[in-house]
Amino acid sequence: MGVKQKRTEVNIMLEHPMVTQINKTGYPNIVAQPEHSGTDIFGNEVLAGDSEILLPNGEMVLEDSLEDYLIEFLGFEFTIAK
């Protein structure tokens, strides 16, 4: 009779280095988001660097929404000259 060898198995889980890094430090901010400054009178998100118009009553409207403000709140009519 010969000497019996005990056979052991070792299961080692390997993971991708990026997965290891994410587990240690969390997900990277791939695209930096501009700073949020609030919302305008229409509820539009205002970000740092956006052009805004301050109204006399203390509210704010984005420049891109100025035409909507003039129509909806002040009753302006925009037409095309003939």
N, C-alpha and C. Protein backbone atom coordinates (compact mmCIF):
# COMPACT_ATOMS: atom_id res chain seq x y z
N MET A 1 0.83 -1.18 0.00
CA MET A 1 0.00 0.00 0.00
C MET A 1 0.87 1.23 0.00
N GLY A 2 0.46 2.17 -0.81
CA GLY A 2 1.20 3.42 -0.89
C GLY A 2 0.61 4.47 0.04
N VAL A 3 1.29 5.58 0.14
CA VAL A 3 0.83 6.68 0.99
C VAL A 3 -0.25 7.45 0.24
N LYS A 4 -1.37 7.64 0.89
CA LYS A 4 -2.45 8.39 0.26
C LYS A 4 -2.23 9.88 0.53
N GLN A 5 -2.39 10.66 -0.51
CA GLN A 5 -2.26 12.11 -0.34
C GLN A 5 -3.66 12.70 -0.26
N LYS A 6 -3.81 13.59 0.68
CA LYS A 6 -5.09 14.26 0.83
C LYS A 6 -5.14 15.40 -0.20
N ARG A 7 -6.19 15.42 -0.94
CA ARG A 7 -6.33 16.43 -1.99
C ARG A 7 -7.20 17.57 -1.46
N THR A 8 -6.69 18.80 -1.55
CA THR A 8 -7.47 19.97 -1.12
C THR A 8 -7.64 20.90 -2.31
N GLU A 9 -8.77 21.52 -2.35
CA GLU A 9 -9.04 22.48 -3.41
C GLU A 9 -9.13 23.87 -2.79
N VAL A 10 -8.54 24.80 -3.48
CA VAL A 10 -8.61 26.19 -3.03
C VAL A 10 -9.32 26.98 -4.12
N ASN A 11 -10.43 27.58 -3.74
CA ASN A 11 -11.17 28.42 -4.68
C ASN A 11 -10.81 29.88 -4.39
N ILE A 12 -10.20 30.51 -5.36
CA ILE A 12 -9.84 31.91 -5.22
C ILE A 12 -10.66 32.71 -6.22
N MET A 13 -11.39 33.71 -5.72
CA MET A 13 -12.17 34.56 -6.60
C MET A 13 -11.29 35.73 -7.04
N LEU A 14 -11.14 35.85 -8.32
CA LEU A 14 -10.41 36.98 -8.87
C LEU A 14 -11.41 37.93 -9.48
N GLU A 15 -11.16 39.22 -9.32
CA GLU A 15 -12.03 40.20 -9.94
C GLU A 15 -11.19 41.19 -10.72
N HIS A 16 -11.83 41.84 -11.64
CA HIS A 16 -11.16 42.82 -12.48
C HIS A 16 -10.63 43.95 -11.60
N PRO A 17 -9.45 44.48 -11.89
CA PRO A 17 -8.87 45.56 -11.08
C PRO A 17 -9.79 46.79 -10.96
N MET A 18 -10.57 47.09 -12.01
CA MET A 18 -11.49 48.23 -11.92
C MET A 18 -12.57 47.97 -10.88
N VAL A 19 -13.04 46.73 -10.78
CA VAL A 19 -14.05 46.38 -9.79
C VAL A 19 -13.46 46.54 -8.39
N THR A 20 -12.23 46.09 -8.21
CA THR A 20 -11.56 46.24 -6.93
C THR A 20 -11.45 47.71 -6.55
N GLN A 21 -11.06 48.55 -7.50
CA GLN A 21 -10.92 49.99 -7.25
C GLN A 21 -12.26 50.61 -6.88
N ILE A 22 -13.32 50.26 -7.60
CA ILE A 22 -14.65 50.81 -7.32
C ILE A 22 -15.12 50.37 -5.94
N ASN A 23 -14.84 49.13 -5.56
CA ASN A 23 -15.21 48.65 -4.24
C ASN A 23 -14.49 49.41 -3.14
N LYS A 24 -13.26 49.84 -3.40
CA LYS A 24 -12.48 50.58 -2.40
C LYS A 24 -12.91 52.04 -2.30
N THR A 25 -13.10 52.69 -3.46
CA THR A 25 -13.27 54.15 -3.46
C THR A 25 -14.63 54.62 -3.97
N GLY A 26 -15.46 53.74 -4.48
CA GLY A 26 -16.74 54.14 -5.05
C GLY A 26 -16.59 54.51 -6.52
N TYR A 27 -17.72 54.79 -7.15
CA TYR A 27 -17.71 55.12 -8.56
C TYR A 27 -17.11 56.51 -8.78
N PRO A 28 -16.30 56.65 -9.83
CA PRO A 28 -15.74 57.98 -10.11
C PRO A 28 -16.81 58.88 -10.72
N ASN A 29 -16.64 60.19 -10.55
CA ASN A 29 -17.55 61.14 -11.18
C ASN A 29 -17.04 61.35 -12.60
N ILE A 30 -17.59 60.57 -13.53
CA ILE A 30 -17.10 60.56 -14.90
C ILE A 30 -17.29 61.93 -15.56
N VAL A 31 -18.45 62.51 -15.37
CA VAL A 31 -18.72 63.82 -15.94
C VAL A 31 -19.02 64.77 -14.79
N ALA A 32 -18.16 65.76 -14.62
CA ALA A 32 -18.37 66.72 -13.55
C ALA A 32 -19.64 67.52 -13.83
N GLN A 33 -20.51 67.58 -12.85
CA GLN A 33 -21.76 68.31 -13.00
C GLN A 33 -21.59 69.74 -12.50
N PRO A 34 -22.17 70.71 -13.24
CA PRO A 34 -22.10 72.09 -12.75
C PRO A 34 -22.88 72.25 -11.45
N GLU A 35 -22.50 73.23 -10.68
CA GLU A 35 -23.14 73.51 -9.39
C GLU A 35 -24.59 73.94 -9.61
N HIS A 36 -25.49 73.37 -8.86
CA HIS A 36 -26.92 73.68 -8.94
C HIS A 36 -27.18 74.94 -8.13
N SER A 37 -27.84 75.94 -8.75
CA SER A 37 -28.10 77.22 -8.07
C SER A 37 -29.56 77.40 -7.68
N GLY A 38 -30.42 76.47 -8.01
CA GLY A 38 -31.83 76.60 -7.67
C GLY A 38 -32.70 76.41 -8.89
N THR A 39 -33.90 76.99 -8.84
CA THR A 39 -34.83 76.90 -9.95
C THR A 39 -35.39 78.29 -10.25
N ASP A 40 -35.83 78.48 -11.50
CA ASP A 40 -36.41 79.77 -11.87
C ASP A 40 -37.92 79.74 -11.66
N ILE A 41 -38.59 80.78 -12.10
CA ILE A 41 -40.03 80.94 -11.89
C ILE A 41 -40.85 79.83 -12.55
N PHE A 42 -40.29 79.18 -13.57
CA PHE A 42 -40.97 78.08 -14.26
C PHE A 42 -40.58 76.71 -13.71
N GLY A 43 -39.70 76.68 -12.72
CA GLY A 43 -39.24 75.41 -12.17
C GLY A 43 -38.05 74.83 -12.92
N ASN A 44 -37.47 75.59 -13.86
CA ASN A 44 -36.30 75.12 -14.60
C ASN A 44 -35.08 75.13 -13.70
N GLU A 45 -34.26 74.10 -13.81
CA GLU A 45 -33.04 74.02 -13.02
C GLU A 45 -32.05 75.10 -13.48
N VAL A 46 -31.50 75.83 -12.52
CA VAL A 46 -30.50 76.87 -12.81
C VAL A 46 -29.16 76.34 -12.35
N LEU A 47 -28.19 76.32 -13.27
CA LEU A 47 -26.85 75.83 -12.98
C LEU A 47 -25.87 76.99 -12.97
N ALA A 48 -24.76 76.81 -12.29
CA ALA A 48 -23.71 77.84 -12.26
C ALA A 48 -23.32 78.17 -13.69
N GLY A 49 -23.26 79.47 -14.00
CA GLY A 49 -22.90 79.90 -15.34
C GLY A 49 -24.09 80.21 -16.23
N ASP A 50 -25.32 79.84 -15.81
CA ASP A 50 -26.51 80.15 -16.60
C ASP A 50 -26.79 81.65 -16.53
N SER A 51 -27.30 82.19 -17.62
CA SER A 51 -27.68 83.60 -17.67
C SER A 51 -29.10 83.72 -17.12
N GLU A 52 -29.26 84.56 -16.10
CA GLU A 52 -30.56 84.68 -15.45
C GLU A 52 -30.96 86.15 -15.34
N ILE A 53 -32.24 86.38 -15.22
CA ILE A 53 -32.78 87.72 -15.07
C ILE A 53 -33.48 87.79 -13.73
N LEU A 54 -33.09 88.76 -12.92
CA LEU A 54 -33.71 88.93 -11.61
C LEU A 54 -34.88 89.89 -11.76
N LEU A 55 -36.03 89.46 -11.29
CA LEU A 55 -37.25 90.26 -11.40
C LEU A 55 -37.38 91.16 -10.18
N PRO A 56 -38.11 92.27 -10.32
CA PRO A 56 -38.27 93.21 -9.19
C PRO A 56 -38.86 92.57 -7.94
N ASN A 57 -39.65 91.52 -8.10
CA ASN A 57 -40.26 90.87 -6.93
C ASN A 57 -39.32 89.86 -6.26
N GLY A 58 -38.06 89.77 -6.73
CA GLY A 58 -37.08 88.88 -6.12
C GLY A 58 -36.99 87.52 -6.78
N GLU A 59 -37.91 87.22 -7.68
CA GLU A 59 -37.85 85.93 -8.37
C GLU A 59 -36.86 86.01 -9.52
N MET A 60 -36.59 84.88 -10.12
CA MET A 60 -35.60 84.79 -11.18
C MET A 60 -36.16 83.99 -12.34
N VAL A 61 -35.74 84.36 -13.56
CA VAL A 61 -36.12 83.61 -14.75
C VAL A 61 -34.87 83.44 -15.61
N LEU A 62 -34.70 82.25 -16.15
CA LEU A 62 -33.56 82.03 -17.05
C LEU A 62 -33.73 82.87 -18.30
N GLU A 63 -32.63 83.35 -18.83
CA GLU A 63 -32.69 84.16 -20.05
C GLU A 63 -33.38 83.39 -21.17
N ASP A 64 -33.14 82.08 -21.24
CA ASP A 64 -33.76 81.25 -22.27
C ASP A 64 -35.28 81.21 -22.13
N SER A 65 -35.82 81.51 -20.95
CA SER A 65 -37.26 81.46 -20.71
C SER A 65 -37.89 82.85 -20.66
N LEU A 66 -37.13 83.88 -20.99
CA LEU A 66 -37.64 85.24 -20.89
C LEU A 66 -38.86 85.46 -21.78
N GLU A 67 -38.82 84.96 -23.01
CA GLU A 67 -39.96 85.14 -23.91
C GLU A 67 -41.21 84.48 -23.31
N ASP A 68 -41.06 83.30 -22.75
CA ASP A 68 -42.20 82.62 -22.12
C ASP A 68 -42.75 83.46 -20.96
N TYR A 69 -41.85 84.05 -20.18
CA TYR A 69 -42.27 84.88 -19.05
C TYR A 69 -43.07 86.09 -19.54
N LEU A 70 -42.55 86.75 -20.58
CA LEU A 70 -43.23 87.94 -21.11
C LEU A 70 -44.63 87.60 -21.62
N ILE A 71 -44.77 86.44 -22.25
CA ILE A 71 -46.06 86.02 -22.79
C ILE A 71 -47.02 85.59 -21.67
N GLU A 72 -46.56 84.71 -20.80
CA GLU A 72 -47.44 84.10 -19.81
C GLU A 72 -47.77 85.01 -18.63
N PHE A 73 -46.82 85.81 -18.19
CA PHE A 73 -47.04 86.61 -16.99
C PHE A 73 -47.40 88.06 -17.30
N LEU A 74 -46.91 88.59 -18.40
CA LEU A 74 -47.15 90.00 -18.69
C LEU A 74 -48.03 90.23 -19.91
N GLY A 75 -48.44 89.15 -20.58
CA GLY A 75 -49.37 89.26 -21.68
C GLY A 75 -48.79 89.80 -22.98
N PHE A 76 -47.49 89.77 -23.15
CA PHE A 76 -46.88 90.24 -24.40
C PHE A 76 -47.30 89.35 -25.55
N GLU A 77 -47.35 89.92 -26.74
CA GLU A 77 -47.64 89.18 -27.97
C GLU A 77 -46.47 89.37 -28.91
N PHE A 78 -45.96 88.30 -29.43
CA PHE A 78 -44.85 88.36 -30.39
C PHE A 78 -45.43 88.09 -31.78
N THR A 79 -45.12 88.96 -32.72
CA THR A 79 -45.63 88.82 -34.08
C THR A 79 -44.48 89.01 -35.07
N ILE A 80 -44.74 88.70 -36.31
CA ILE A 80 -43.77 88.90 -37.38
C ILE A 80 -44.27 90.06 -38.24
N ALA A 81 -43.38 91.02 -38.48
CA ALA A 81 -43.74 92.19 -39.27
C ALA A 81 -44.08 91.79 -40.70
N LYS A 82 -45.06 92.51 -41.28
CA LYS A 82 -45.48 92.21 -42.66
C LYS A 82 -44.88 93.23 -43.59
